[in-house]
Amino acid sequence: MPLALLLALAAPATPPATPLSGGLFSASQLRQRCLSSVAADASYCFAYITGVHDTVRAYEAWLTLREFCVPRHVPQGDLRRAFMAYLADHPGDLAGEAASVVVVSLKIAYPCLVETKPRTP
């Protein structure tokens, strides 16, 4: 296989945008990947959002707290839709750090219901 073809296959499908300070990935950059019709970009979108979800869930288990309450076995497409819907309603957050915006979008889409105990007289 020619070297040029190998390099083309190894290159990211979407050209990288300017990262946030510290090299962080922006919500806008993630949104671009999520909207792309290129399979590698779509896979990146799903993997990134699912990775943030799984990381926060592990962190929650360690600290015994809850950031969001996504039902078990939720499809990755639902997590992506939550992120995309949040950005549609909050376009000012496009400049934010992608992982933080994913967490906020999941907190809004999947809030934890607080059980209230009846007051005793």
N, C-alpha and C. Protein backbone atom coordinates (compact mmCIF):
# COMPACT_ATOMS: atom_id res chain seq x y z
N MET A 1 0.86 -1.17 0.00
CA MET A 1 0.00 0.00 0.00
C MET A 1 0.91 1.23 0.00
N PRO A 2 0.62 2.20 -0.85
CA PRO A 2 1.45 3.40 -0.91
C PRO A 2 1.41 4.17 0.42
N LEU A 3 2.54 4.78 0.74
CA LEU A 3 2.66 5.54 1.98
C LEU A 3 1.63 6.65 2.07
N ALA A 4 1.36 7.34 0.97
CA ALA A 4 0.38 8.44 0.97
C ALA A 4 -0.99 7.94 1.38
N LEU A 5 -1.38 6.74 0.91
CA LEU A 5 -2.68 6.18 1.27
C LEU A 5 -2.71 5.81 2.75
N LEU A 6 -1.64 5.23 3.25
CA LEU A 6 -1.58 4.91 4.68
C LEU A 6 -1.69 6.16 5.54
N LEU A 7 -1.01 7.22 5.15
CA LEU A 7 -1.08 8.47 5.91
C LEU A 7 -2.48 9.07 5.84
N ALA A 8 -3.13 8.98 4.71
CA ALA A 8 -4.49 9.50 4.57
C ALA A 8 -5.45 8.73 5.46
N LEU A 9 -5.28 7.42 5.54
CA LEU A 9 -6.16 6.61 6.38
C LEU A 9 -5.92 6.87 7.87
N ALA A 10 -4.72 7.21 8.24
CA ALA A 10 -4.38 7.45 9.64
C ALA A 10 -4.76 8.85 10.10
N ALA A 11 -4.98 9.76 9.17
CA ALA A 11 -5.30 11.15 9.53
C ALA A 11 -6.71 11.23 10.08
N PRO A 12 -6.97 12.15 11.02
CA PRO A 12 -8.31 12.32 11.53
C PRO A 12 -9.25 12.77 10.42
N ALA A 13 -10.51 12.30 10.47
CA ALA A 13 -11.48 12.63 9.44
C ALA A 13 -11.83 14.11 9.44
N THR A 14 -11.91 14.70 10.61
CA THR A 14 -12.21 16.12 10.72
C THR A 14 -10.92 16.84 11.09
N PRO A 15 -10.55 17.89 10.35
CA PRO A 15 -9.33 18.59 10.73
C PRO A 15 -9.46 19.16 12.14
N PRO A 16 -8.42 19.06 12.94
CA PRO A 16 -8.52 19.56 14.30
C PRO A 16 -8.67 21.08 14.33
N ALA A 17 -9.59 21.53 15.16
CA ALA A 17 -9.77 22.97 15.36
C ALA A 17 -8.79 23.40 16.45
N THR A 18 -8.69 24.68 16.66
CA THR A 18 -7.80 25.19 17.70
C THR A 18 -8.30 24.72 19.06
N PRO A 19 -7.47 24.01 19.81
CA PRO A 19 -7.91 23.53 21.12
C PRO A 19 -8.03 24.67 22.13
N LEU A 20 -8.78 24.41 23.17
CA LEU A 20 -8.87 25.36 24.27
C LEU A 20 -7.51 25.44 24.95
N SER A 21 -7.36 26.41 25.81
CA SER A 21 -6.09 26.53 26.52
C SER A 21 -5.83 25.24 27.29
N GLY A 22 -4.62 24.82 27.29
CA GLY A 22 -4.26 23.56 27.93
C GLY A 22 -4.51 22.36 27.04
N GLY A 23 -4.92 22.59 25.78
CA GLY A 23 -5.15 21.49 24.85
C GLY A 23 -6.48 20.79 25.02
N LEU A 24 -7.40 21.38 25.79
CA LEU A 24 -8.69 20.74 26.00
C LEU A 24 -9.54 20.79 24.74
N PHE A 25 -10.40 19.81 24.60
CA PHE A 25 -11.30 19.67 23.47
C PHE A 25 -12.57 20.48 23.77
N SER A 26 -13.02 21.31 22.84
CA SER A 26 -14.19 22.15 23.09
C SER A 26 -15.49 21.43 22.72
N ALA A 27 -16.58 21.90 23.29
CA ALA A 27 -17.90 21.35 22.96
C ALA A 27 -18.20 21.56 21.48
N SER A 28 -17.73 22.66 20.94
CA SER A 28 -17.92 22.93 19.51
C SER A 28 -17.20 21.88 18.66
N GLN A 29 -15.99 21.53 19.05
CA GLN A 29 -15.24 20.51 18.32
C GLN A 29 -15.94 19.16 18.40
N LEU A 30 -16.46 18.82 19.58
CA LEU A 30 -17.17 17.56 19.73
C LEU A 30 -18.47 17.59 18.92
N ARG A 31 -19.15 18.70 18.93
CA ARG A 31 -20.40 18.85 18.16
C ARG A 31 -20.11 18.63 16.67
N GLN A 32 -19.00 19.17 16.18
CA GLN A 32 -18.63 18.97 14.77
C GLN A 32 -18.49 17.49 14.46
N ARG A 33 -17.86 16.76 15.35
CA ARG A 33 -17.70 15.31 15.15
C ARG A 33 -19.05 14.61 15.18
N CYS A 34 -19.92 15.05 16.10
CA CYS A 34 -21.24 14.41 16.23
C CYS A 34 -22.14 14.67 15.02
N LEU A 35 -21.94 15.79 14.35
CA LEU A 35 -22.75 16.13 13.17
C LEU A 35 -22.18 15.57 11.87
N SER A 36 -20.96 15.10 11.91
CA SER A 36 -20.28 14.63 10.71
C SER A 36 -20.91 13.35 10.17
N SER A 37 -20.88 13.22 8.86
CA SER A 37 -21.35 11.98 8.22
C SER A 37 -20.20 10.99 8.01
N VAL A 38 -19.01 11.37 8.43
CA VAL A 38 -17.84 10.50 8.33
C VAL A 38 -17.88 9.50 9.50
N ALA A 39 -17.79 8.22 9.18
CA ALA A 39 -17.92 7.17 10.19
C ALA A 39 -16.93 7.34 11.35
N ALA A 40 -15.70 7.71 11.05
CA ALA A 40 -14.69 7.88 12.11
C ALA A 40 -15.09 9.00 13.07
N ASP A 41 -15.65 10.08 12.54
CA ASP A 41 -16.09 11.18 13.40
C ASP A 41 -17.27 10.77 14.27
N ALA A 42 -18.24 10.07 13.67
CA ALA A 42 -19.40 9.60 14.43
C ALA A 42 -18.96 8.66 15.56
N SER A 43 -18.02 7.77 15.25
CA SER A 43 -17.50 6.85 16.28
C SER A 43 -16.80 7.63 17.39
N TYR A 44 -16.04 8.64 17.00
CA TYR A 44 -15.34 9.47 17.98
C TYR A 44 -16.36 10.14 18.91
N CYS A 45 -17.42 10.68 18.33
CA CYS A 45 -18.48 11.34 19.10
C CYS A 45 -19.06 10.40 20.15
N PHE A 46 -19.50 9.23 19.69
CA PHE A 46 -20.10 8.26 20.61
C PHE A 46 -19.10 7.81 21.67
N ALA A 47 -17.87 7.55 21.27
CA ALA A 47 -16.86 7.08 22.21
C ALA A 47 -16.53 8.15 23.25
N TYR A 48 -16.43 9.41 22.82
CA TYR A 48 -16.10 10.50 23.75
C TYR A 48 -17.21 10.66 24.78
N ILE A 49 -18.45 10.76 24.33
CA ILE A 49 -19.57 10.98 25.24
C ILE A 49 -19.74 9.79 26.17
N THR A 50 -19.62 8.58 25.64
CA THR A 50 -19.74 7.39 26.47
C THR A 50 -18.58 7.30 27.46
N GLY A 51 -17.40 7.69 27.03
CA GLY A 51 -16.24 7.69 27.92
C GLY A 51 -16.41 8.66 29.08
N VAL A 52 -16.95 9.85 28.80
CA VAL A 52 -17.23 10.81 29.89
C VAL A 52 -18.26 10.21 30.83
N HIS A 53 -19.33 9.65 30.27
CA HIS A 53 -20.38 9.02 31.10
C HIS A 53 -19.78 7.95 32.01
N ASP A 54 -19.01 7.04 31.43
CA ASP A 54 -18.44 5.94 32.21
C ASP A 54 -17.46 6.42 33.26
N THR A 55 -16.67 7.43 32.93
CA THR A 55 -15.70 7.99 33.88
C THR A 55 -16.41 8.62 35.07
N VAL A 56 -17.46 9.38 34.79
CA VAL A 56 -18.20 10.02 35.88
C VAL A 56 -18.89 8.96 36.74
N ARG A 57 -19.42 7.93 36.11
CA ARG A 57 -20.07 6.86 36.89
C ARG A 57 -19.05 6.18 37.83
N ALA A 58 -17.85 5.94 37.35
CA ALA A 58 -16.82 5.33 38.19
C ALA A 58 -16.45 6.27 39.34
N TYR A 59 -16.32 7.55 39.03
CA TYR A 59 -16.01 8.56 40.04
C TYR A 59 -17.13 8.62 41.08
N GLU A 60 -18.38 8.56 40.62
CA GLU A 60 -19.52 8.58 41.54
C GLU A 60 -19.48 7.39 42.50
N ALA A 61 -19.18 6.22 41.97
CA ALA A 61 -19.13 5.02 42.81
C ALA A 61 -18.05 5.15 43.86
N TRP A 62 -16.93 5.74 43.49
CA TRP A 62 -15.82 5.91 44.42
C TRP A 62 -16.19 6.89 45.52
N LEU A 63 -16.86 7.98 45.16
CA LEU A 63 -17.20 9.02 46.13
C LEU A 63 -18.60 8.88 46.73
N THR A 64 -19.33 7.88 46.29
CA THR A 64 -20.72 7.66 46.72
C THR A 64 -21.57 8.92 46.59
N LEU A 65 -21.57 9.48 45.38
CA LEU A 65 -22.44 10.61 45.08
C LEU A 65 -22.96 10.41 43.67
N ARG A 66 -23.96 11.19 43.28
CA ARG A 66 -24.54 11.07 41.95
C ARG A 66 -24.55 12.42 41.25
N GLU A 67 -24.03 12.46 40.03
CA GLU A 67 -24.08 13.66 39.19
C GLU A 67 -25.32 13.63 38.31
N PHE A 68 -25.63 12.45 37.79
CA PHE A 68 -26.80 12.26 36.93
C PHE A 68 -27.26 10.82 37.10
N CYS A 69 -28.48 10.55 36.65
CA CYS A 69 -29.06 9.22 36.85
C CYS A 69 -29.55 8.66 35.52
N VAL A 70 -28.62 8.28 34.68
CA VAL A 70 -28.93 7.67 33.40
C VAL A 70 -29.41 6.25 33.67
N PRO A 71 -30.52 5.83 33.06
CA PRO A 71 -30.98 4.44 33.26
C PRO A 71 -29.93 3.44 32.79
N ARG A 72 -29.95 2.26 33.38
CA ARG A 72 -29.02 1.20 32.96
C ARG A 72 -29.28 0.85 31.51
N HIS A 73 -28.24 0.53 30.80
CA HIS A 73 -28.29 0.06 29.41
C HIS A 73 -28.89 1.09 28.45
N VAL A 74 -28.71 2.36 28.74
CA VAL A 74 -29.20 3.41 27.83
C VAL A 74 -28.35 3.35 26.54
N PRO A 75 -28.99 3.46 25.38
CA PRO A 75 -28.21 3.45 24.13
C PRO A 75 -27.30 4.68 24.04
N GLN A 76 -26.15 4.49 23.41
CA GLN A 76 -25.22 5.60 23.23
C GLN A 76 -25.87 6.74 22.46
N GLY A 77 -26.77 6.42 21.56
CA GLY A 77 -27.46 7.45 20.79
C GLY A 77 -28.26 8.38 21.67
N ASP A 78 -28.80 7.87 22.78
CA ASP A 78 -29.55 8.72 23.71
C ASP A 78 -28.61 9.70 24.41
N LEU A 79 -27.42 9.25 24.75
CA LEU A 79 -26.44 10.15 25.38
C LEU A 79 -26.04 11.25 24.40
N ARG A 80 -25.82 10.88 23.14
CA ARG A 80 -25.48 11.86 22.11
C ARG A 80 -26.62 12.86 21.93
N ARG A 81 -27.85 12.36 21.87
CA ARG A 81 -29.00 13.26 21.71
C ARG A 81 -29.11 14.24 22.88
N ALA A 82 -28.82 13.79 24.08
CA ALA A 82 -28.85 14.68 25.26
C ALA A 82 -27.83 15.80 25.10
N PHE A 83 -26.63 15.45 24.66
CA PHE A 83 -25.56 16.44 24.44
C PHE A 83 -25.96 17.43 23.35
N MET A 84 -26.44 16.92 22.22
CA MET A 84 -26.80 17.78 21.10
C MET A 84 -28.00 18.67 21.45
N ALA A 85 -28.97 18.14 22.17
CA ALA A 85 -30.14 18.94 22.57
C ALA A 85 -29.72 20.05 23.53
N TYR A 86 -28.82 19.73 24.44
CA TYR A 86 -28.33 20.74 25.38
C TYR A 86 -27.66 21.88 24.62
N LEU A 87 -26.81 21.55 23.65
CA LEU A 87 -26.13 22.59 22.89
C LEU A 87 -27.09 23.42 22.05
N ALA A 88 -28.15 22.79 21.55
CA ALA A 88 -29.15 23.54 20.78
C ALA A 88 -29.82 24.58 21.67
N ASP A 89 -30.03 24.24 22.95
CA ASP A 89 -30.67 25.15 23.90
C ASP A 89 -29.68 26.12 24.56
N HIS A 90 -28.40 25.79 24.53
CA HIS A 90 -27.36 26.59 25.20
C HIS A 90 -26.17 26.81 24.27
N PRO A 91 -26.36 27.50 23.15
CA PRO A 91 -25.27 27.67 22.19
C PRO A 91 -24.07 28.42 22.78
N GLY A 92 -24.26 29.17 23.82
CA GLY A 92 -23.15 29.87 24.45
C GLY A 92 -22.14 28.93 25.08
N ASP A 93 -22.53 27.67 25.30
CA ASP A 93 -21.62 26.69 25.90
C ASP A 93 -20.75 25.97 24.86
N LEU A 94 -20.91 26.31 23.58
CA LEU A 94 -20.09 25.68 22.55
C LEU A 94 -18.60 25.92 22.79
N ALA A 95 -18.25 27.03 23.40
CA ALA A 95 -16.84 27.34 23.67
C ALA A 95 -16.33 26.63 24.91
N GLY A 96 -17.21 25.97 25.65
CA GLY A 96 -16.81 25.30 26.88
C GLY A 96 -16.04 24.02 26.62
N GLU A 97 -15.43 23.50 27.66
CA GLU A 97 -14.68 22.26 27.60
C GLU A 97 -15.67 21.10 27.38
N ALA A 98 -15.41 20.27 26.39
CA ALA A 98 -16.35 19.25 25.95
C ALA A 98 -16.81 18.32 27.08
N ALA A 99 -15.89 17.80 27.86
CA ALA A 99 -16.28 16.85 28.91
C ALA A 99 -17.20 17.50 29.93
N SER A 100 -16.93 18.75 30.30
CA SER A 100 -17.79 19.45 31.26
C SER A 100 -19.18 19.68 30.69
N VAL A 101 -19.26 20.02 29.41
CA VAL A 101 -20.56 20.25 28.78
C VAL A 101 -21.33 18.93 28.67
N VAL A 102 -20.64 17.83 28.40
CA VAL A 102 -21.29 16.52 28.38
C VAL A 102 -21.90 16.23 29.75
N VAL A 103 -21.14 16.46 30.82
CA VAL A 103 -21.65 16.19 32.17
C VAL A 103 -22.88 17.04 32.45
N VAL A 104 -22.83 18.33 32.14
CA VAL A 104 -23.98 19.20 32.38
C VAL A 104 -25.18 18.74 31.56
N SER A 105 -24.95 18.36 30.31
CA SER A 105 -26.07 17.92 29.47
C SER A 105 -26.71 16.65 30.03
N LEU A 106 -25.90 15.75 30.57
CA LEU A 106 -26.45 14.53 31.16
C LEU A 106 -27.17 14.82 32.47
N LYS A 107 -26.66 15.79 33.23
CA LYS A 107 -27.34 16.17 34.49
C LYS A 107 -28.73 16.72 34.20
N ILE A 108 -28.86 17.47 33.11
CA ILE A 108 -30.16 18.06 32.76
C ILE A 108 -31.08 17.01 32.16
N ALA A 109 -30.56 16.18 31.29
CA ALA A 109 -31.38 15.17 30.62
C ALA A 109 -31.77 14.02 31.55
N TYR A 110 -30.91 13.72 32.51
CA TYR A 110 -31.13 12.58 33.41
C TYR A 110 -30.94 13.00 34.87
N PRO A 111 -31.80 13.88 35.37
CA PRO A 111 -31.63 14.32 36.76
C PRO A 111 -31.92 13.18 37.73
N CYS A 112 -31.27 13.23 38.86
CA CYS A 112 -31.55 12.28 39.92
C CYS A 112 -32.71 12.82 40.75
N LEU A 113 -33.68 11.98 40.93
CA LEU A 113 -34.82 12.39 41.74
C LEU A 113 -34.48 12.18 43.20
N VAL A 114 -34.66 13.22 43.96
CA VAL A 114 -34.34 13.16 45.39
C VAL A 114 -35.56 12.61 46.11
N GLU A 115 -35.33 11.54 46.84
CA GLU A 115 -36.42 10.97 47.62
C GLU A 115 -36.65 11.86 48.84
N THR A 116 -37.88 12.24 49.05
CA THR A 116 -38.20 13.04 50.23
C THR A 116 -38.89 12.16 51.24
N LYS A 117 -38.47 12.27 52.45
CA LYS A 117 -39.09 11.50 53.53
C LYS A 117 -40.21 12.34 54.13
N PRO A 118 -41.32 11.70 54.47
CA PRO A 118 -42.41 12.47 55.07
C PRO A 118 -41.96 13.05 56.42
N ARG A 119 -42.40 14.24 56.67
CA ARG A 119 -42.07 14.87 57.95
C ARG A 119 -42.87 14.22 59.07
N THR A 120 -42.20 14.07 60.17
CA THR A 120 -42.91 13.53 61.33
C THR A 120 -43.35 14.70 62.21
N PRO A 121 -44.59 14.67 62.61
CA PRO A 121 -45.08 15.80 63.44
C PRO A 121 -44.46 15.85 64.80
